[in-house]
PDB file of N, CA and C in Angstrom:
ATOM      1  N   UNK A   1     102.819 -11.080 -23.721  1.00  0.00           N
ATOM      2  CA  UNK A   1     104.032 -11.129 -24.738  1.00  0.00           C
ATOM      3  C   UNK A   1     105.135 -10.601 -24.064  1.00  0.00           C
ATOM      4  N   UNK A   2     106.472 -11.330 -24.534  1.00  0.00           N
ATOM      5  CA  UNK A   2     107.783 -11.137 -24.184  1.00  0.00           C
ATOM      6  C   UNK A   2     108.098  -9.507 -24.707  1.00  0.00           C
ATOM      7  N   UNK A   3     108.523  -8.478 -23.830  1.00  0.00           N
ATOM      8  CA  UNK A   3     109.043  -7.233 -24.520  1.00  0.00           C
ATOM      9  C   UNK A   3     110.260  -7.471 -25.285  1.00  0.00           C
ATOM     10  N   UNK A   4     110.210  -7.067 -26.516  1.00  0.00           N
ATOM     11  CA  UNK A   4     111.447  -7.291 -27.568  1.00  0.00           C
ATOM     12  C   UNK A   4     112.230  -5.801 -27.931  1.00  0.00           C
ATOM     13  N   UNK A   5     113.451  -6.014 -27.980  1.00  0.00           N
ATOM     14  CA  UNK A   5     114.310  -4.798 -28.201  1.00  0.00           C
ATOM     15  C   UNK A   5     114.352  -4.892 -29.804  1.00  0.00           C
ATOM     16  N   UNK A   6     113.737  -4.188 -30.537  1.00  0.00           N
ATOM     17  CA  UNK A   6     113.766  -4.478 -31.997  1.00  0.00           C
ATOM     18  C   UNK A   6     114.869  -4.172 -32.635  1.00  0.00           C
ATOM     19  N   UNK A   7     115.898  -3.625 -32.017  1.00  0.00           N
ATOM     20  CA  UNK A   7     117.071  -3.309 -32.426  1.00  0.00           C
ATOM     21  C   UNK A   7     118.213  -4.534 -32.405  1.00  0.00           C
ATOM     22  N   UNK A   8     117.992  -5.586 -31.771  1.00  0.00           N
ATOM     23  CA  UNK A   8     118.667  -6.544 -31.543  1.00  0.00           C
ATOM     24  C   UNK A   8     118.609  -7.404 -32.790  1.00  0.00           C
ATOM     25  N   UNK A   9     119.794  -8.107 -33.044  1.00  0.00           N
ATOM     26  CA  UNK A   9     119.794  -8.848 -34.316  1.00  0.00           C
ATOM     27  C   UNK A   9     119.004 -10.208 -34.224  1.00  0.00           C
ATOM     28  N   UNK A  10     118.567 -10.511 -35.181  1.00  0.00           N
ATOM     29  CA  UNK A  10     117.627 -11.697 -35.329  1.00  0.00           C
ATOM     30  C   UNK A  10     117.789 -12.736 -36.182  1.00  0.00           C
ATOM     31  N   UNK A  11     117.587 -14.028 -36.113  1.00  0.00           N
ATOM     32  CA  UNK A  11     117.396 -15.145 -37.167  1.00  0.00           C
ATOM     33  C   UNK A  11     116.117 -15.492 -37.585  1.00  0.00           C
ATOM     34  N   UNK A  12     115.747 -15.790 -38.817  1.00  0.00           N
ATOM     35  CA  UNK A  12     114.558 -16.337 -39.229  1.00  0.00           C
ATOM     36  C   UNK A  12     114.649 -17.502 -39.810  1.00  0.00           C
ATOM     37  N   UNK A  13     113.788 -18.468 -39.580  1.00  0.00           N
ATOM     38  CA  UNK A  13     113.896 -20.013 -40.226  1.00  0.00           C
ATOM     39  C   UNK A  13     112.491 -20.034 -40.595  1.00  0.00           C
ATOM     40  N   UNK A  14     112.412 -19.742 -42.005  1.00  0.00           N
ATOM     41  CA  UNK A  14     111.187 -20.200 -42.547  1.00  0.00           C
ATOM     42  C   UNK A  14     110.797 -21.489 -42.720  1.00  0.00           C
ATOM     43  N   UNK A  15     109.605 -21.941 -42.701  1.00  0.00           N
ATOM     44  CA  UNK A  15     108.895 -23.192 -43.020  1.00  0.00           C
ATOM     45  C   UNK A  15     109.529 -23.314 -44.215  1.00  0.00           C
ATOM     46  N   UNK A  16     109.849 -24.935 -44.522  1.00  0.00           N
ATOM     47  CA  UNK A  16     110.381 -25.234 -45.892  1.00  0.00           C
ATOM     48  C   UNK A  16     109.189 -25.658 -46.616  1.00  0.00           C
ATOM     49  N   UNK A  17     109.034 -25.373 -47.885  1.00  0.00           N
ATOM     50  CA  UNK A  17     108.090 -25.753 -48.867  1.00  0.00           C
ATOM     51  C   UNK A  17     107.736 -27.141 -49.027  1.00  0.00           C
ATOM     52  N   UNK A  18     106.552 -27.535 -49.463  1.00  0.00           N
ATOM     53  CA  UNK A  18     106.394 -29.004 -49.483  1.00  0.00           C
ATOM     54  C   UNK A  18     107.392 -29.675 -50.468  1.00  0.00           C
ATOM     55  N   UNK A  19     107.592 -30.907 -50.166  1.00  0.00           N
ATOM     56  CA  UNK A  19     108.211 -31.862 -51.002  1.00  0.00           C
ATOM     57  C   UNK A  19     107.825 -31.773 -52.404  1.00  0.00           C
ATOM     58  N   UNK A  20     108.725 -31.588 -53.285  1.00  0.00           N
ATOM     59  CA  UNK A  20     108.238 -31.698 -54.710  1.00  0.00           C
ATOM     60  C   UNK A  20     107.872 -30.189 -55.153  1.00  0.00           C
ATOM     61  N   UNK A  21     108.065 -29.171 -54.182  1.00  0.00           N
ATOM     62  CA  UNK A  21     107.595 -27.881 -54.608  1.00  0.00           C
ATOM     63  C   UNK A  21     109.083 -27.243 -55.337  1.00  0.00           C
ATOM     64  N   UNK A  22     108.721 -26.333 -56.328  1.00  0.00           N
ATOM     65  CA  UNK A  22     110.041 -25.762 -57.166  1.00  0.00           C
ATOM     66  C   UNK A  22     110.751 -25.297 -56.070  1.00  0.00           C
ATOM     67  N   UNK A  23     112.176 -25.401 -56.370  1.00  0.00           N
ATOM     68  CA  UNK A  23     113.200 -24.825 -55.394  1.00  0.00           C
ATOM     69  C   UNK A  23     113.346 -23.471 -55.719  1.00  0.00           C
ATOM     70  N   UNK A  24     112.842 -22.770 -57.252  1.00  0.00           N
ATOM     71  CA  UNK A  24     113.023 -21.490 -57.476  1.00  0.00           C
ATOM     72  C   UNK A  24     112.394 -20.710 -56.577  1.00  0.00           C
ATOM     73  N   UNK A  25     112.912 -19.742 -55.854  1.00  0.00           N
ATOM     74  CA  UNK A  25     112.257 -18.772 -55.101  1.00  0.00           C
ATOM     75  C   UNK A  25     112.190 -19.401 -53.573  1.00  0.00           C
ATOM     76  N   UNK A  26     112.967 -20.489 -53.494  1.00  0.00           N
ATOM     77  CA  UNK A  26     112.643 -20.919 -52.049  1.00  0.00           C
ATOM     78  C   UNK A  26     113.495 -19.910 -51.089  1.00  0.00           C
ATOM     79  N   UNK A  27     112.921 -19.955 -50.025  1.00  0.00           N
ATOM     80  CA  UNK A  27     113.518 -19.180 -48.736  1.00  0.00           C
ATOM     81  C   UNK A  27     114.087 -19.859 -47.708  1.00  0.00           C
ATOM     82  N   UNK A  28     114.948 -19.580 -47.324  1.00  0.00           N
ATOM     83  CA  UNK A  28     115.898 -20.259 -46.237  1.00  0.00           C
ATOM     84  C   UNK A  28     116.103 -19.374 -45.198  1.00  0.00           C
ATOM     85  N   UNK A  29     116.995 -20.050 -44.169  1.00  0.00           N
ATOM     86  CA  UNK A  29     117.371 -19.212 -43.279  1.00  0.00           C
ATOM     87  C   UNK A  29     117.883 -17.797 -43.508  1.00  0.00           C
ATOM     88  N   UNK A  30     117.547 -16.876 -42.817  1.00  0.00           N
ATOM     89  CA  UNK A  30     118.245 -15.382 -42.904  1.00  0.00           C
ATOM     90  C   UNK A  30     118.598 -14.706 -41.338  1.00  0.00           C
ATOM     91  N   UNK A  31     119.702 -14.149 -41.495  1.00  0.00           N
ATOM     92  CA  UNK A  31     120.245 -13.153 -40.472  1.00  0.00           C
ATOM     93  C   UNK A  31     119.617 -11.801 -40.605  1.00  0.00           C
ATOM     94  N   UNK A  32     119.284 -11.113 -39.643  1.00  0.00           N
ATOM     95  CA  UNK A  32     118.803  -9.548 -39.764  1.00  0.00           C
ATOM     96  C   UNK A  32     119.755  -8.909 -38.693  1.00  0.00           C
ATOM     97  N   UNK A  33     120.158  -7.739 -39.236  1.00  0.00           N
ATOM     98  CA  UNK A  33     120.788  -6.983 -38.104  1.00  0.00           C
ATOM     99  C   UNK A  33     119.735  -6.429 -37.125  1.00  0.00           C
ATOM    100  N   UNK A  34     118.641  -6.385 -37.428  1.00  0.00           N
ATOM    101  CA  UNK A  34     117.586  -6.007 -36.409  1.00  0.00           C
ATOM    102  C   UNK A  34     116.468  -6.765 -36.388  1.00  0.00           C
ATOM    103  N   UNK A  35     115.547  -7.190 -35.369  1.00  0.00           N
ATOM    104  CA  UNK A  35     114.492  -7.878 -35.088  1.00  0.00           C
ATOM    105  C   UNK A  35     113.292  -7.310 -35.873  1.00  0.00           C
ATOM    106  N   UNK A  36     113.311  -5.671 -35.922  1.00  0.00           N
ATOM    107  CA  UNK A  36     112.421  -5.074 -36.757  1.00  0.00           C
ATOM    108  C   UNK A  36     112.241  -5.354 -38.142  1.00  0.00           C
ATOM    109  N   UNK A  37     113.600  -5.569 -38.781  1.00  0.00           N
ATOM    110  CA  UNK A  37     113.511  -5.722 -40.159  1.00  0.00           C
ATOM    111  C   UNK A  37     113.431  -7.378 -40.282  1.00  0.00           C
ATOM    112  N   UNK A  38     113.743  -8.547 -39.618  1.00  0.00           N
ATOM    113  CA  UNK A  38     113.287  -9.810 -39.568  1.00  0.00           C
ATOM    114  C   UNK A  38     111.793  -9.856 -39.637  1.00  0.00           C
ATOM    115  N   UNK A  39     110.997  -9.088 -38.739  1.00  0.00           N
ATOM    116  CA  UNK A  39     109.618  -9.105 -38.495  1.00  0.00           C
ATOM    117  C   UNK A  39     108.839  -8.629 -39.852  1.00  0.00           C
ATOM    118  N   UNK A  40     109.452  -7.529 -40.428  1.00  0.00           N
ATOM    119  CA  UNK A  40     109.009  -6.973 -41.413  1.00  0.00           C
ATOM    120  C   UNK A  40     108.987  -7.749 -42.619  1.00  0.00           C
ATOM    121  N   UNK A  41     110.057  -8.458 -42.789  1.00  0.00           N
ATOM    122  CA  UNK A  41     110.476  -9.381 -43.848  1.00  0.00           C
ATOM    123  C   UNK A  41     109.460 -10.681 -43.892  1.00  0.00           C
ATOM    124  N   UNK A  42     109.435 -11.050 -42.592  1.00  0.00           N
ATOM    125  CA  UNK A  42     108.308 -12.416 -42.544  1.00  0.00           C
ATOM    126  C   UNK A  42     106.873 -11.976 -42.868  1.00  0.00           C
ATOM    127  N   UNK A  43     106.417 -10.848 -42.366  1.00  0.00           N
ATOM    128  CA  UNK A  43     105.049 -10.406 -42.542  1.00  0.00           C
ATOM    129  C   UNK A  43     104.934 -10.062 -44.085  1.00  0.00           C
ATOM    130  N   UNK A  44     105.474  -9.096 -44.396  1.00  0.00           N
ATOM    131  CA  UNK A  44     105.582  -8.437 -45.778  1.00  0.00           C
ATOM    132  C   UNK A  44     106.121  -9.142 -46.950  1.00  0.00           C
ATOM    133  N   UNK A  45     107.079  -9.969 -46.938  1.00  0.00           N
ATOM    134  CA  UNK A  45     107.742 -10.630 -47.989  1.00  0.00           C
ATOM    135  C   UNK A  45     107.462 -12.126 -48.029  1.00  0.00           C
ATOM    136  N   UNK A  46     107.312 -12.807 -47.031  1.00  0.00           N
ATOM    137  CA  UNK A  46     107.158 -14.122 -47.020  1.00  0.00           C
ATOM    138  C   UNK A  46     105.995 -14.778 -47.668  1.00  0.00           C
ATOM    139  N   UNK A  47     105.801 -15.664 -48.523  1.00  0.00           N
ATOM    140  CA  UNK A  47     104.417 -15.931 -48.789  1.00  0.00           C
ATOM    141  C   UNK A  47     103.670 -16.304 -47.353  1.00  0.00           C
ATOM    142  N   UNK A  48     102.287 -15.902 -47.499  1.00  0.00           N
ATOM    143  CA  UNK A  48     101.460 -15.933 -46.087  1.00  0.00           C
ATOM    144  C   UNK A  48     101.588 -17.558 -45.792  1.00  0.00           C
ATOM    145  N   UNK A  49     101.611 -18.538 -46.566  1.00  0.00           N
ATOM    146  CA  UNK A  49     101.494 -19.662 -46.399  1.00  0.00           C
ATOM    147  C   UNK A  49     102.636 -20.329 -45.680  1.00  0.00           C
ATOM    148  N   UNK A  50     103.704 -19.630 -45.837  1.00  0.00           N
ATOM    149  CA  UNK A  50     104.980 -20.012 -45.132  1.00  0.00           C
ATOM    150  C   UNK A  50     105.132 -19.324 -43.644  1.00  0.00           C
ATOM    151  N   UNK A  51     104.337 -18.271 -43.519  1.00  0.00           N
ATOM    152  CA  UNK A  51     104.438 -17.728 -42.181  1.00  0.00           C
ATOM    153  C   UNK A  51     104.191 -18.689 -40.910  1.00  0.00           C
ATOM    154  N   UNK A  52     103.026 -19.647 -41.401  1.00  0.00           N
ATOM    155  CA  UNK A  52     102.700 -20.571 -40.427  1.00  0.00           C
ATOM    156  C   UNK A  52     103.844 -21.611 -40.387  1.00  0.00           C
ATOM    157  N   UNK A  53     104.604 -21.856 -39.406  1.00  0.00           N
ATOM    158  CA  UNK A  53     105.617 -22.782 -39.394  1.00  0.00           C
ATOM    159  C   UNK A  53     106.943 -22.179 -39.410  1.00  0.00           C
ATOM    160  N   UNK A  54     106.974 -20.977 -39.791  1.00  0.00           N
ATOM    161  CA  UNK A  54     108.179 -20.032 -39.612  1.00  0.00           C
ATOM    162  C   UNK A  54     108.525 -19.599 -37.922  1.00  0.00           C
ATOM    163  N   UNK A  55     109.807 -19.669 -37.788  1.00  0.00           N
ATOM    164  CA  UNK A  55     110.100 -19.013 -36.435  1.00  0.00           C
ATOM    165  C   UNK A  55     111.134 -17.863 -36.474  1.00  0.00           C
ATOM    166  N   UNK A  56     111.258 -17.121 -35.524  1.00  0.00           N
ATOM    167  CA  UNK A  56     111.986 -16.072 -35.282  1.00  0.00           C
ATOM    168  C   UNK A  56     112.857 -16.101 -33.907  1.00  0.00           C
ATOM    169  N   UNK A  57     114.199 -15.915 -34.001  1.00  0.00           N
ATOM    170  CA  UNK A  57     115.083 -16.062 -32.743  1.00  0.00           C
ATOM    171  C   UNK A  57     115.550 -14.630 -32.302  1.00  0.00           C
ATOM    172  N   UNK A  58     115.348 -14.268 -31.335  1.00  0.00           N
ATOM    173  CA  UNK A  58     116.039 -13.141 -30.871  1.00  0.00           C
ATOM    174  C   UNK A  58     116.547 -13.264 -29.403  1.00  0.00           C
ATOM    175  N   UNK A  59     117.954 -13.004 -29.369  1.00  0.00           N
ATOM    176  CA  UNK A  59     118.533 -13.481 -28.059  1.00  0.00           C
ATOM    177  C   UNK A  59     117.889 -14.955 -27.849  1.00  0.00           C
ATOM    178  N   UNK A  60     117.541 -14.999 -26.615  1.00  0.00           N
ATOM    179  CA  UNK A  60     117.024 -16.553 -26.192  1.00  0.00           C
ATOM    180  C   UNK A  60     115.565 -16.606 -26.448  1.00  0.00           C
ATOM    181  N   UNK A  61     114.758 -15.682 -26.921  1.00  0.00           N
ATOM    182  CA  UNK A  61     113.391 -15.870 -27.340  1.00  0.00           C
ATOM    183  C   UNK A  61     113.223 -16.452 -28.548  1.00  0.00           C
ATOM    184  N   UNK A  62     111.860 -17.217 -28.622  1.00  0.00           N
ATOM    185  CA  UNK A  62     111.492 -17.616 -29.875  1.00  0.00           C
ATOM    186  C   UNK A  62     110.020 -17.313 -30.061  1.00  0.00           C
ATOM    187  N   UNK A  63     109.802 -16.963 -31.473  1.00  0.00           N
ATOM    188  CA  UNK A  63     108.452 -16.478 -31.684  1.00  0.00           C
ATOM    189  C   UNK A  63     107.946 -17.125 -33.096  1.00  0.00           C
ATOM    190  N   UNK A  64     106.775 -17.915 -32.876  1.00  0.00           N
ATOM    191  CA  UNK A  64     106.248 -18.522 -34.039  1.00  0.00           C
ATOM    192  C   UNK A  64     105.586 -17.803 -34.947  1.00  0.00           C
ATOM    193  N   UNK A  65     104.853 -18.122 -35.991  1.00  0.00           N
ATOM    194  CA  UNK A  65     104.253 -17.282 -36.750  1.00  0.00           C
ATOM    195  C   UNK A  65     103.041 -16.445 -36.281  1.00  0.00           C
ATOM    196  N   UNK A  66     102.460 -16.782 -35.369  1.00  0.00           N
ATOM    197  CA  UNK A  66     101.271 -15.852 -34.750  1.00  0.00           C
ATOM    198  C   UNK A  66     102.224 -14.790 -33.895  1.00  0.00           C
ATOM    199  N   UNK A  67     103.263 -15.319 -33.168  1.00  0.00           N
ATOM    200  CA  UNK A  67     103.903 -14.460 -32.265  1.00  0.00           C
ATOM    201  C   UNK A  67     104.696 -13.372 -33.181  1.00  0.00           C
ATOM    202  N   UNK A  68     105.229 -13.725 -34.567  1.00  0.00           N
ATOM    203  CA  UNK A  68     105.868 -12.619 -35.339  1.00  0.00           C
ATOM    204  C   UNK A  68     104.697 -11.572 -35.781  1.00  0.00           C
ATOM    205  N   UNK A  69     103.613 -12.179 -36.347  1.00  0.00           N
ATOM    206  CA  UNK A  69     102.327 -11.401 -36.723  1.00  0.00           C
ATOM    207  C   UNK A  69     102.055 -10.392 -35.259  1.00  0.00           C
ATOM    208  N   UNK A  70     102.241 -10.978 -33.983  1.00  0.00           N
ATOM    209  CA  UNK A  70     101.637 -10.090 -33.023  1.00  0.00           C
ATOM    210  C   UNK A  70     102.969  -8.750 -32.796  1.00  0.00           C
ATOM    211  N   UNK A  71     104.158  -9.223 -33.189  1.00  0.00           N
ATOM    212  CA  UNK A  71     105.159  -8.549 -33.069  1.00  0.00           C
ATOM    213  C   UNK A  71     105.140  -7.064 -33.918  1.00  0.00           C
ATOM    214  N   UNK A  72     104.467  -7.617 -35.193  1.00  0.00           N
ATOM    215  CA  UNK A  72     104.358  -6.550 -36.306  1.00  0.00           C
ATOM    216  C   UNK A  72     103.174  -5.804 -35.971  1.00  0.00           C
ATOM    217  N   UNK A  73     102.190  -6.154 -35.417  1.00  0.00           N
ATOM    218  CA  UNK A  73     100.959  -5.296 -34.966  1.00  0.00           C
ATOM    219  C   UNK A  73     101.290  -4.564 -33.595  1.00  0.00           C
ATOM    220  N   UNK A  74     102.478  -4.888 -32.898  1.00  0.00           N
ATOM    221  CA  UNK A  74     102.354  -4.294 -31.714  1.00  0.00           C
ATOM    222  C   UNK A  74     102.651  -2.791 -31.768  1.00  0.00           C
ATOM    223  N   UNK A  75     102.237  -1.945 -30.951  1.00  0.00           N
ATOM    224  CA  UNK A  75     102.155  -0.766 -30.933  1.00  0.00           C
ATOM    225  C   UNK A  75     103.844   0.004 -30.966  1.00  0.00           C
ATOM    226  N   UNK A  76     104.723  -0.960 -30.305  1.00  0.00           N
ATOM    227  CA  UNK A  76     106.229  -0.464 -30.158  1.00  0.00           C
ATOM    228  C   UNK A  76     106.815  -0.889 -31.433  1.00  0.00           C
ATOM    229  N   UNK A  77     106.336  -1.547 -32.410  1.00  0.00           N
ATOM    230  CA  UNK A  77     106.656  -1.779 -33.611  1.00  0.00           C
ATOM    231  C   UNK A  77     107.413  -0.658 -34.355  1.00  0.00           C
ATOM    232  N   UNK A  78     108.670  -0.328 -34.596  1.00  0.00           N
ATOM    233  CA  UNK A  78     109.244   1.042 -35.018  1.00  0.00           C
ATOM    234  C   UNK A  78     109.113   1.078 -36.446  1.00  0.00           C
ATOM    235  N   UNK A  79     108.974   0.224 -37.235  1.00  0.00           N
ATOM    236  CA  UNK A  79     109.239   0.428 -38.919  1.00  0.00           C
ATOM    237  C   UNK A  79     107.587   0.905 -39.412  1.00  0.00           C
ATOM    238  N   UNK A  80     107.682   1.356 -40.608  1.00  0.00           N
ATOM    239  CA  UNK A  80     106.459   1.719 -41.145  1.00  0.00           C
ATOM    240  C   UNK A  80     105.783   0.410 -41.661  1.00  0.00           C
ATOM    241  N   UNK A  81     104.350   0.065 -41.624  1.00  0.00           N
ATOM    242  CA  UNK A  81     103.968  -1.124 -41.954  1.00  0.00           C
ATOM    243  C   UNK A  81     103.356  -0.961 -43.429  1.00  0.00           C
ATOM    244  N   UNK A  82     103.485  -1.773 -44.344  1.00  0.00           N
ATOM    245  CA  UNK A  82     103.120  -2.064 -45.545  1.00  0.00           C
ATOM    246  C   UNK A  82     102.191  -2.838 -45.987  1.00  0.00           C
ATOM    247  N   UNK A  83     102.126  -4.083 -45.368  1.00  0.00           N
ATOM    248  CA  UNK A  83     101.388  -5.021 -45.681  1.00  0.00           C
ATOM    249  C   UNK A  83      99.971  -5.114 -44.944  1.00  0.00           C
ATOM    250  N   UNK A  84      99.077  -5.732 -45.533  1.00  0.00           N
ATOM    251  CA  UNK A  84      97.755  -5.955 -45.015  1.00  0.00           C
ATOM    252  C   UNK A  84      97.393  -7.490 -45.182  1.00  0.00           C
ATOM    253  N   UNK A  85      98.460  -8.435 -45.072  1.00  0.00           N
ATOM    254  CA  UNK A  85      98.448  -9.945 -45.338  1.00  0.00           C
ATOM    255  C   UNK A  85      97.463 -10.422 -44.115  1.00  0.00           C
TER     256      UNK A  85
END
């Protein structure tokens, strides 16, 4: 896995909900001051069905849902983990 500086700004592109799904609570593109916060948000706050198809961009590196989960579970992840999704 690519070593990541968790302090680097990051962009999160959640998967879009299915056509016809309620737009209420829809989640779109978000920019974060740190990759650690973006990873935390993706794993702990996104509905689990949206993590598949979501991607995170940090500098030139791109991580899919499985990559985001791996970053969250990595020993170098700097934030306290709260989720058990």
